[in-house]
Every structure is written in C-alpha cells, then in structure tokens.
Amino acid sequence: MPYLIRYVFDRPTGAFSPFTGISFNDDGDVVVSMLPIANADAVTVKVLASTSLTDWSHAEETEITVQSDGTIVFPRTTDPSRFFRLKVEE
C-alpha cells in the first residue's frame, strides 16, 4: 500500500487494504465501504474510472465522490465493464 494511502486512512505499515465491504443501495448503485478518511485536510482523494484499465479519467465527471466516512457510491452505468481506483494527491 503506497505511503500516501496509508497516511490518508491512518493504516500502519504492513496493514491490509482500507476497503471494508461492497454492497448495493436501493437504487442498485454499488456502495464501497472503506475506513474513514483520517487526514483529509492534508490531501485530496479522487476516484479514477476506466473502461479499459489504460485510459484513466477523473471520475468527478460522473459524479463519484469519496465521503468523509469512507463511503463511495458508484452510480449505475450502461458500460459493460468499469474499473475504479483511488488516487491521493498532496
């Protein structure tokens, strides 16, 4: 786990992923749960999206945000496949 990700989620060296679960809400959107963001004032956490794993774009264009409690809601999409990753910037 990169240092900045460990810092944002207050994870010690050797700790596992900050992701804690995946579920669906009543609208059929995917809800990803993570540990709460501990150091949000010092960094920016973004969700990047791709349909090919090669072309990544800022997912804010599709209105995906990371809540301070670590919850991310991914709206339903018509794309046959969609991949997401977190990016942390200072």
PDB file of N, CA and C in Angstrom:
ATOM      1  N   MET A   1       0.851  -1.162   0.000  1.00  0.00           N
ATOM      2  CA  MET A   1       0.000   0.000   0.000  1.00  0.00           C
ATOM      3  C   MET A   1       0.909   1.241   0.000  1.00  0.00           C
ATOM      4  N   PRO A   2       0.723   2.139  -0.954  1.00  0.00           N
ATOM      5  CA  PRO A   2       1.560   3.349  -1.006  1.00  0.00           C
ATOM      6  C   PRO A   2       1.448   4.170   0.278  1.00  0.00           C
ATOM      7  N   TYR A   3       2.521   4.880   0.593  1.00  0.00           N
ATOM      8  CA  TYR A   3       2.592   5.658   1.828  1.00  0.00           C
ATOM      9  C   TYR A   3       1.423   6.637   1.960  1.00  0.00           C
ATOM     10  N   LEU A   4       1.105   7.350   0.897  1.00  0.00           N
ATOM     11  CA  LEU A   4       0.046   8.356   0.986  1.00  0.00           C
ATOM     12  C   LEU A   4      -1.316   7.721   1.294  1.00  0.00           C
ATOM     13  N   ILE A   5      -1.594   6.564   0.731  1.00  0.00           N
ATOM     14  CA  ILE A   5      -2.850   5.851   1.037  1.00  0.00           C
ATOM     15  C   ILE A   5      -2.853   5.441   2.512  1.00  0.00           C
ATOM     16  N   ARG A   6      -1.734   4.932   3.008  1.00  0.00           N
ATOM     17  CA  ARG A   6      -1.660   4.564   4.430  1.00  0.00           C
ATOM     18  C   ARG A   6      -1.883   5.785   5.312  1.00  0.00           C
ATOM     19  N   TYR A   7      -1.314   6.923   4.933  1.00  0.00           N
ATOM     20  CA  TYR A   7      -1.469   8.154   5.702  1.00  0.00           C
ATOM     21  C   TYR A   7      -2.929   8.615   5.735  1.00  0.00           C
ATOM     22  N   VAL A   8      -3.582   8.623   4.587  1.00  0.00           N
ATOM     23  CA  VAL A   8      -4.966   9.092   4.495  1.00  0.00           C
ATOM     24  C   VAL A   8      -5.903   8.244   5.349  1.00  0.00           C
ATOM     25  N   PHE A   9      -5.674   6.944   5.377  1.00  0.00           N
ATOM     26  CA  PHE A   9      -6.555   6.054   6.132  1.00  0.00           C
ATOM     27  C   PHE A   9      -5.983   5.667   7.490  1.00  0.00           C
ATOM     28  N   ASP A  10      -4.849   6.282   7.872  1.00  0.00           N
ATOM     29  CA  ASP A  10      -4.220   6.026   9.162  1.00  0.00           C
ATOM     30  C   ASP A  10      -3.962   4.534   9.367  1.00  0.00           C
ATOM     31  N   ARG A  11      -3.312   3.923   8.374  1.00  0.00           N
ATOM     32  CA  ARG A  11      -3.015   2.488   8.410  1.00  0.00           C
ATOM     33  C   ARG A  11      -1.537   2.283   8.703  1.00  0.00           C
ATOM     34  N   PRO A  12      -1.170   1.340   9.574  1.00  0.00           N
ATOM     35  CA  PRO A  12       0.238   1.086   9.862  1.00  0.00           C
ATOM     36  C   PRO A  12       0.916   0.325   8.714  1.00  0.00           C
ATOM     37  N   THR A  13       2.234   0.346   8.707  1.00  0.00           N
ATOM     38  CA  THR A  13       2.991  -0.416   7.715  1.00  0.00           C
ATOM     39  C   THR A  13       2.602  -1.883   7.818  1.00  0.00           C
ATOM     40  N   GLY A  14       2.394  -2.518   6.680  1.00  0.00           N
ATOM     41  CA  GLY A  14       2.023  -3.926   6.656  1.00  0.00           C
ATOM     42  C   GLY A  14       0.534  -4.181   6.789  1.00  0.00           C
ATOM     43  N   ALA A  15      -0.249  -3.119   6.942  1.00  0.00           N
ATOM     44  CA  ALA A  15      -1.703  -3.286   7.089  1.00  0.00           C
ATOM     45  C   ALA A  15      -2.328  -3.640   5.747  1.00  0.00           C
ATOM     46  N   PHE A  16      -3.487  -4.226   5.818  1.00  0.00           N
ATOM     47  CA  PHE A  16      -4.216  -4.592   4.619  1.00  0.00           C
ATOM     48  C   PHE A  16      -4.965  -3.389   4.053  1.00  0.00           C
ATOM     49  N   SER A  17      -5.673  -3.602   3.007  1.00  0.00           N
ATOM     50  CA  SER A  17      -6.424  -2.578   2.294  1.00  0.00           C
ATOM     51  C   SER A  17      -7.404  -1.846   3.205  1.00  0.00           C
ATOM     52  N   PRO A  18      -7.666  -0.561   2.904  1.00  0.00           N
ATOM     53  CA  PRO A  18      -8.649   0.189   3.684  1.00  0.00           C
ATOM     54  C   PRO A  18     -10.096  -0.164   3.320  1.00  0.00           C
ATOM     55  N   PHE A  19     -10.299  -0.968   2.289  1.00  0.00           N
ATOM     56  CA  PHE A  19     -11.656  -1.323   1.865  1.00  0.00           C
ATOM     57  C   PHE A  19     -12.259  -2.340   2.821  1.00  0.00           C
ATOM     58  N   THR A  20     -13.508  -2.102   3.223  1.00  0.00           N
ATOM     59  CA  THR A  20     -14.137  -2.982   4.214  1.00  0.00           C
ATOM     60  C   THR A  20     -15.361  -3.718   3.693  1.00  0.00           C
ATOM     61  N   GLY A  21     -15.900  -3.325   2.539  1.00  0.00           N
ATOM     62  CA  GLY A  21     -17.071  -4.040   2.033  1.00  0.00           C
ATOM     63  C   GLY A  21     -17.635  -3.436   0.761  1.00  0.00           C
ATOM     64  N   ILE A  22     -18.449  -4.234   0.087  1.00  0.00           N
ATOM     65  CA  ILE A  22     -19.153  -3.807  -1.121  1.00  0.00           C
ATOM     66  C   ILE A  22     -20.604  -4.248  -0.981  1.00  0.00           C
ATOM     67  N   SER A  23     -21.528  -3.342  -1.311  1.00  0.00           N
ATOM     68  CA  SER A  23     -22.952  -3.668  -1.247  1.00  0.00           C
ATOM     69  C   SER A  23     -23.684  -2.878  -2.324  1.00  0.00           C
ATOM     70  N   PHE A  24     -24.999  -2.986  -2.341  1.00  0.00           N
ATOM     71  CA  PHE A  24     -25.839  -2.239  -3.277  1.00  0.00           C
ATOM     72  C   PHE A  24     -26.882  -1.458  -2.490  1.00  0.00           C
ATOM     73  N   ASN A  25     -27.182  -0.231  -2.923  1.00  0.00           N
ATOM     74  CA  ASN A  25     -28.238   0.526  -2.269  1.00  0.00           C
ATOM     75  C   ASN A  25     -29.580   0.242  -2.949  1.00  0.00           C
ATOM     76  N   ASP A  26     -30.641   0.908  -2.507  1.00  0.00           N
ATOM     77  CA  ASP A  26     -31.983   0.653  -3.036  1.00  0.00           C
ATOM     78  C   ASP A  26     -32.127   1.006  -4.507  1.00  0.00           C
ATOM     79  N   ASP A  27     -31.252   1.896  -5.024  1.00  0.00           N
ATOM     80  CA  ASP A  27     -31.297   2.280  -6.431  1.00  0.00           C
ATOM     81  C   ASP A  27     -30.487   1.344  -7.314  1.00  0.00           C
ATOM     82  N   GLY A  28     -29.819   0.365  -6.724  1.00  0.00           N
ATOM     83  CA  GLY A  28     -28.991  -0.555  -7.482  1.00  0.00           C
ATOM     84  C   GLY A  28     -27.577  -0.065  -7.708  1.00  0.00           C
ATOM     85  N   ASP A  29     -27.213   1.060  -7.061  1.00  0.00           N
ATOM     86  CA  ASP A  29     -25.850   1.584  -7.171  1.00  0.00           C
ATOM     87  C   ASP A  29     -24.913   0.754  -6.300  1.00  0.00           C
ATOM     88  N   VAL A  30     -23.664   0.643  -6.730  1.00  0.00           N
ATOM     89  CA  VAL A  30     -22.663  -0.059  -5.940  1.00  0.00           C
ATOM     90  C   VAL A  30     -22.153   0.879  -4.856  1.00  0.00           C
ATOM     91  N   VAL A  31     -22.104   0.387  -3.622  1.00  0.00           N
ATOM     92  CA  VAL A  31     -21.612   1.161  -2.482  1.00  0.00           C
ATOM     93  C   VAL A  31     -20.369   0.455  -1.940  1.00  0.00           C
ATOM     94  N   VAL A  32     -19.238   1.144  -1.999  1.00  0.00           N
ATOM     95  CA  VAL A  32     -17.990   0.601  -1.484  1.00  0.00           C
ATOM     96  C   VAL A  32     -17.708   1.278  -0.150  1.00  0.00           C
ATOM     97  N   SER A  33     -17.456   0.475   0.866  1.00  0.00           N
ATOM     98  CA  SER A  33     -17.164   0.999   2.202  1.00  0.00           C
ATOM     99  C   SER A  33     -15.671   0.867   2.483  1.00  0.00           C
ATOM    100  N   MET A  34     -15.119   1.927   3.063  1.00  0.00           N
ATOM    101  CA  MET A  34     -13.718   1.935   3.448  1.00  0.00           C
ATOM    102  C   MET A  34     -13.617   2.458   4.871  1.00  0.00           C
ATOM    103  N   LEU A  35     -12.428   2.401   5.407  1.00  0.00           N
ATOM    104  CA  LEU A  35     -12.185   3.038   6.693  1.00  0.00           C
ATOM    105  C   LEU A  35     -12.398   4.537   6.527  1.00  0.00           C
ATOM    106  N   PRO A  36     -12.779   5.236   7.582  1.00  0.00           N
ATOM    107  CA  PRO A  36     -12.933   6.691   7.471  1.00  0.00           C
ATOM    108  C   PRO A  36     -11.613   7.351   7.075  1.00  0.00           C
ATOM    109  N   ILE A  37     -11.716   8.427   6.321  1.00  0.00           N
ATOM    110  CA  ILE A  37     -10.530   9.170   5.908  1.00  0.00           C
ATOM    111  C   ILE A  37     -10.051   9.975   7.110  1.00  0.00           C
ATOM    112  N   ALA A  38      -8.837   9.689   7.563  1.00  0.00           N
ATOM    113  CA  ALA A  38      -8.321  10.283   8.792  1.00  0.00           C
ATOM    114  C   ALA A  38      -7.626  11.627   8.566  1.00  0.00           C
ATOM    115  N   ASN A  39      -7.020  11.816   7.430  1.00  0.00           N
ATOM    116  CA  ASN A  39      -6.210  13.007   7.200  1.00  0.00           C
ATOM    117  C   ASN A  39      -6.654  13.741   5.937  1.00  0.00           C
ATOM    118  N   ALA A  40      -7.944  13.973   5.795  1.00  0.00           N
ATOM    119  CA  ALA A  40      -8.495  14.573   4.584  1.00  0.00           C
ATOM    120  C   ALA A  40      -8.061  16.018   4.377  1.00  0.00           C
ATOM    121  N   ASP A  41      -7.704  16.726   5.436  1.00  0.00           N
ATOM    122  CA  ASP A  41      -7.307  18.127   5.298  1.00  0.00           C
ATOM    123  C   ASP A  41      -5.964  18.285   4.595  1.00  0.00           C
ATOM    124  N   ALA A  42      -5.126  17.274   4.661  1.00  0.00           N
ATOM    125  CA  ALA A  42      -3.776  17.375   4.125  1.00  0.00           C
ATOM    126  C   ALA A  42      -3.662  16.912   2.672  1.00  0.00           C
ATOM    127  N   VAL A  43      -4.662  16.178   2.180  1.00  0.00           N
ATOM    128  CA  VAL A  43      -4.572  15.600   0.835  1.00  0.00           C
ATOM    129  C   VAL A  43      -5.919  15.670   0.129  1.00  0.00           C
ATOM    130  N   THR A  44      -5.901  15.355  -1.161  1.00  0.00           N
ATOM    131  CA  THR A  44      -7.115  15.235  -1.953  1.00  0.00           C
ATOM    132  C   THR A  44      -7.253  13.774  -2.385  1.00  0.00           C
ATOM    133  N   VAL A  45      -8.407  13.178  -2.123  1.00  0.00           N
ATOM    134  CA  VAL A  45      -8.674  11.806  -2.527  1.00  0.00           C
ATOM    135  C   VAL A  45      -9.625  11.852  -3.715  1.00  0.00           C
ATOM    136  N   LYS A  46      -9.220  11.220  -4.814  1.00  0.00           N
ATOM    137  CA  LYS A  46     -10.041  11.198  -6.025  1.00  0.00           C
ATOM    138  C   LYS A  46     -10.316   9.758  -6.426  1.00  0.00           C
ATOM    139  N   VAL A  47     -11.430   9.563  -7.094  1.00  0.00           N
ATOM    140  CA  VAL A  47     -11.758   8.272  -7.675  1.00  0.00           C
ATOM    141  C   VAL A  47     -11.543   8.394  -9.176  1.00  0.00           C
ATOM    142  N   LEU A  48     -10.722   7.507  -9.722  1.00  0.00           N
ATOM    143  CA  LEU A  48     -10.489   7.484 -11.151  1.00  0.00           C
ATOM    144  C   LEU A  48     -11.254   6.315 -11.753  1.00  0.00           C
ATOM    145  N   ALA A  49     -11.758   6.507 -12.969  1.00  0.00           N
ATOM    146  CA  ALA A  49     -12.563   5.473 -13.625  1.00  0.00           C
ATOM    147  C   ALA A  49     -11.999   5.162 -15.001  1.00  0.00           C
ATOM    148  N   SER A  50     -12.169   3.915 -15.423  1.00  0.00           N
ATOM    149  CA  SER A  50     -11.720   3.494 -16.743  1.00  0.00           C
ATOM    150  C   SER A  50     -12.570   2.326 -17.225  1.00  0.00           C
ATOM    151  N   THR A  51     -12.741   2.236 -18.511  1.00  0.00           N
ATOM    152  CA  THR A  51     -13.402   1.060 -19.078  1.00  0.00           C
ATOM    153  C   THR A  51     -12.382   0.116 -19.691  1.00  0.00           C
ATOM    154  N   SER A  52     -11.105   0.542 -19.712  1.00  0.00           N
ATOM    155  CA  SER A  52     -10.090  -0.277 -20.375  1.00  0.00           C
ATOM    156  C   SER A  52      -8.857  -0.561 -19.511  1.00  0.00           C
ATOM    157  N   LEU A  53      -8.774  -0.015 -18.325  1.00  0.00           N
ATOM    158  CA  LEU A  53      -7.611  -0.119 -17.440  1.00  0.00           C
ATOM    159  C   LEU A  53      -6.380   0.582 -17.998  1.00  0.00           C
ATOM    160  N   THR A  54      -6.519   1.294 -19.121  1.00  0.00           N
ATOM    161  CA  THR A  54      -5.389   2.040 -19.668  1.00  0.00           C
ATOM    162  C   THR A  54      -5.660   3.540 -19.711  1.00  0.00           C
ATOM    163  N   ASP A  55      -6.886   3.935 -19.964  1.00  0.00           N
ATOM    164  CA  ASP A  55      -7.246   5.344 -20.027  1.00  0.00           C
ATOM    165  C   ASP A  55      -8.028   5.723 -18.778  1.00  0.00           C
ATOM    166  N   TRP A  56      -7.367   6.426 -17.845  1.00  0.00           N
ATOM    167  CA  TRP A  56      -7.999   6.808 -16.580  1.00  0.00           C
ATOM    168  C   TRP A  56      -8.402   8.268 -16.640  1.00  0.00           C
ATOM    169  N   SER A  57      -9.556   8.569 -16.127  1.00  0.00           N
ATOM    170  CA  SER A  57     -10.021   9.953 -16.077  1.00  0.00           C
ATOM    171  C   SER A  57     -10.563  10.236 -14.685  1.00  0.00           C
ATOM    172  N   HIS A  58     -10.670  11.507 -14.342  1.00  0.00           N
ATOM    173  CA  HIS A  58     -11.227  11.854 -13.039  1.00  0.00           C
ATOM    174  C   HIS A  58     -12.706  11.512 -13.029  1.00  0.00           C
ATOM    175  N   ALA A  59     -13.095  10.701 -12.096  1.00  0.00           N
ATOM    176  CA  ALA A  59     -14.475  10.229 -12.031  1.00  0.00           C
ATOM    177  C   ALA A  59     -15.446  11.289 -11.551  1.00  0.00           C
ATOM    178  N   GLU A  60     -14.947  12.455 -11.117  1.00  0.00           N
ATOM    179  CA  GLU A  60     -15.868  13.524 -10.743  1.00  0.00           C
ATOM    180  C   GLU A  60     -16.780  13.862 -11.914  1.00  0.00           C
ATOM    181  N   GLU A  61     -16.314  13.612 -13.120  1.00  0.00           N
ATOM    182  CA  GLU A  61     -17.135  13.847 -14.306  1.00  0.00           C
ATOM    183  C   GLU A  61     -18.404  12.997 -14.270  1.00  0.00           C
ATOM    184  N   THR A  62     -18.338  11.862 -13.577  1.00  0.00           N
ATOM    185  CA  THR A  62     -19.506  11.003 -13.438  1.00  0.00           C
ATOM    186  C   THR A  62     -20.101  11.107 -12.039  1.00  0.00           C
ATOM    187  N   GLU A  63     -19.718  12.162 -11.320  1.00  0.00           N
ATOM    188  CA  GLU A  63     -20.266  12.485 -10.003  1.00  0.00           C
ATOM    189  C   GLU A  63     -20.020  11.418  -8.943  1.00  0.00           C
ATOM    190  N   ILE A  64     -18.814  10.886  -8.909  1.00  0.00           N
ATOM    191  CA  ILE A  64     -18.432   9.934  -7.876  1.00  0.00           C
ATOM    192  C   ILE A  64     -17.569  10.678  -6.874  1.00  0.00           C
ATOM    193  N   THR A  65     -17.955  10.622  -5.612  1.00  0.00           N
ATOM    194  CA  THR A  65     -17.187  11.304  -4.577  1.00  0.00           C
ATOM    195  C   THR A  65     -16.905  10.360  -3.418  1.00  0.00           C
ATOM    196  N   VAL A  66     -15.846  10.645  -2.720  1.00  0.00           N
ATOM    197  CA  VAL A  66     -15.497   9.892  -1.519  1.00  0.00           C
ATOM    198  C   VAL A  66     -16.035  10.674  -0.331  1.00  0.00           C
ATOM    199  N   GLN A  67     -16.929  10.080   0.436  1.00  0.00           N
ATOM    200  CA  GLN A  67     -17.478  10.727   1.623  1.00  0.00           C
ATOM    201  C   GLN A  67     -16.448  10.681   2.748  1.00  0.00           C
ATOM    202  N   SER A  68     -16.545  11.566   3.714  1.00  0.00           N
ATOM    203  CA  SER A  68     -15.575  11.604   4.804  1.00  0.00           C
ATOM    204  C   SER A  68     -15.599  10.341   5.659  1.00  0.00           C
ATOM    205  N   ASP A  69     -16.725   9.612   5.651  1.00  0.00           N
ATOM    206  CA  ASP A  69     -16.784   8.363   6.412  1.00  0.00           C
ATOM    207  C   ASP A  69     -16.200   7.188   5.641  1.00  0.00           C
ATOM    208  N   GLY A  70     -15.669   7.448   4.429  1.00  0.00           N
ATOM    209  CA  GLY A  70     -15.041   6.400   3.640  1.00  0.00           C
ATOM    210  C   GLY A  70     -15.973   5.680   2.696  1.00  0.00           C
ATOM    211  N   THR A  71     -17.175   6.183   2.499  1.00  0.00           N
ATOM    212  CA  THR A  71     -18.144   5.540   1.611  1.00  0.00           C
ATOM    213  C   THR A  71     -18.064   6.152   0.217  1.00  0.00           C
ATOM    214  N   ILE A  72     -18.092   5.291  -0.794  1.00  0.00           N
ATOM    215  CA  ILE A  72     -18.139   5.734  -2.181  1.00  0.00           C
ATOM    216  C   ILE A  72     -19.353   5.077  -2.827  1.00  0.00           C
ATOM    217  N   VAL A  73     -20.197   5.880  -3.471  1.00  0.00           N
ATOM    218  CA  VAL A  73     -21.363   5.342  -4.184  1.00  0.00           C
ATOM    219  C   VAL A  73     -21.099   5.478  -5.680  1.00  0.00           C
ATOM    220  N   PHE A  74     -21.113   4.355  -6.372  1.00  0.00           N
ATOM    221  CA  PHE A  74     -20.896   4.334  -7.814  1.00  0.00           C
ATOM    222  C   PHE A  74     -22.251   4.207  -8.503  1.00  0.00           C
ATOM    223  N   PRO A  75     -22.682   5.251  -9.217  1.00  0.00           N
ATOM    224  CA  PRO A  75     -23.977   5.186  -9.899  1.00  0.00           C
ATOM    225  C   PRO A  75     -24.011   4.053 -10.923  1.00  0.00           C
ATOM    226  N   ARG A  76     -25.197   3.538 -11.138  1.00  0.00           N
ATOM    227  CA  ARG A  76     -25.369   2.501 -12.153  1.00  0.00           C
ATOM    228  C   ARG A  76     -24.898   3.043 -13.491  1.00  0.00           C
ATOM    229  N   THR A  77     -24.330   2.186 -14.289  1.00  0.00           N
ATOM    230  CA  THR A  77     -23.796   2.602 -15.576  1.00  0.00           C
ATOM    231  C   THR A  77     -24.195   1.605 -16.653  1.00  0.00           C
ATOM    232  N   THR A  78     -24.200   2.071 -17.885  1.00  0.00           N
ATOM    233  CA  THR A  78     -24.514   1.176 -19.002  1.00  0.00           C
ATOM    234  C   THR A  78     -23.249   0.577 -19.604  1.00  0.00           C
ATOM    235  N   ASP A  79     -22.075   1.005 -19.108  1.00  0.00           N
ATOM    236  CA  ASP A  79     -20.825   0.432 -19.603  1.00  0.00           C
ATOM    237  C   ASP A  79     -20.756  -1.044 -19.255  1.00  0.00           C
ATOM    238  N   PRO A  80     -20.334  -1.882 -20.193  1.00  0.00           N
ATOM    239  CA  PRO A  80     -20.261  -3.320 -19.903  1.00  0.00           C
ATOM    240  C   PRO A  80     -19.233  -3.661 -18.835  1.00  0.00           C
ATOM    241  N   SER A  81     -18.156  -2.889 -18.765  1.00  0.00           N
ATOM    242  CA  SER A  81     -17.165  -3.085 -17.709  1.00  0.00           C
ATOM    243  C   SER A  81     -16.636  -1.719 -17.292  1.00  0.00           C
ATOM    244  N   ARG A  82     -16.390  -1.588 -16.008  1.00  0.00           N
ATOM    245  CA  ARG A  82     -15.924  -0.309 -15.467  1.00  0.00           C
ATOM    246  C   ARG A  82     -14.979  -0.625 -14.325  1.00  0.00           C
ATOM    247  N   PHE A  83     -13.845   0.032 -14.300  1.00  0.00           N
ATOM    248  CA  PHE A  83     -12.833  -0.186 -13.283  1.00  0.00           C
ATOM    249  C   PHE A  83     -12.602   1.128 -12.548  1.00  0.00           C
ATOM    250  N   PHE A  84     -12.320   1.030 -11.240  1.00  0.00           N
ATOM    251  CA  PHE A  84     -12.117   2.221 -10.419  1.00  0.00           C
ATOM    252  C   PHE A  84     -10.863   2.049  -9.576  1.00  0.00           C
ATOM    253  N   ARG A  85     -10.227   3.179  -9.276  1.00  0.00           N
ATOM    254  CA  ARG A  85      -9.089   3.166  -8.355  1.00  0.00           C
ATOM    255  C   ARG A  85      -9.044   4.506  -7.621  1.00  0.00           C
ATOM    256  N   LEU A  86      -8.401   4.504  -6.465  1.00  0.00           N
ATOM    257  CA  LEU A  86      -8.228   5.729  -5.685  1.00  0.00           C
ATOM    258  C   LEU A  86      -6.905   6.379  -6.037  1.00  0.00           C
ATOM    259  N   LYS A  87      -6.927   7.699  -6.052  1.00  0.00           N
ATOM    260  CA  LYS A  87      -5.706   8.463  -6.240  1.00  0.00           C
ATOM    261  C   LYS A  87      -5.659   9.505  -5.128  1.00  0.00           C
ATOM    262  N   VAL A  88      -4.523   9.579  -4.450  1.00  0.00           N
ATOM    263  CA  VAL A  88      -4.337  10.532  -3.359  1.00  0.00           C
ATOM    264  C   VAL A  88      -3.250  11.511  -3.788  1.00  0.00           C
ATOM    265  N   GLU A  89      -3.562  12.803  -3.664  1.00  0.00           N
ATOM    266  CA  GLU A  89      -2.611  13.841  -4.044  1.00  0.00           C
ATOM    267  C   GLU A  89      -2.391  14.793  -2.871  1.00  0.00           C
ATOM    268  N   GLU A  90      -1.171  15.288  -2.768  1.00  0.00           N
ATOM    269  CA  GLU A  90      -0.860  16.270  -1.719  1.00  0.00           C
ATOM    270  C   GLU A  90      -1.295  17.641  -2.150  1.00  0.00           C
TER     271      GLU A  90
END
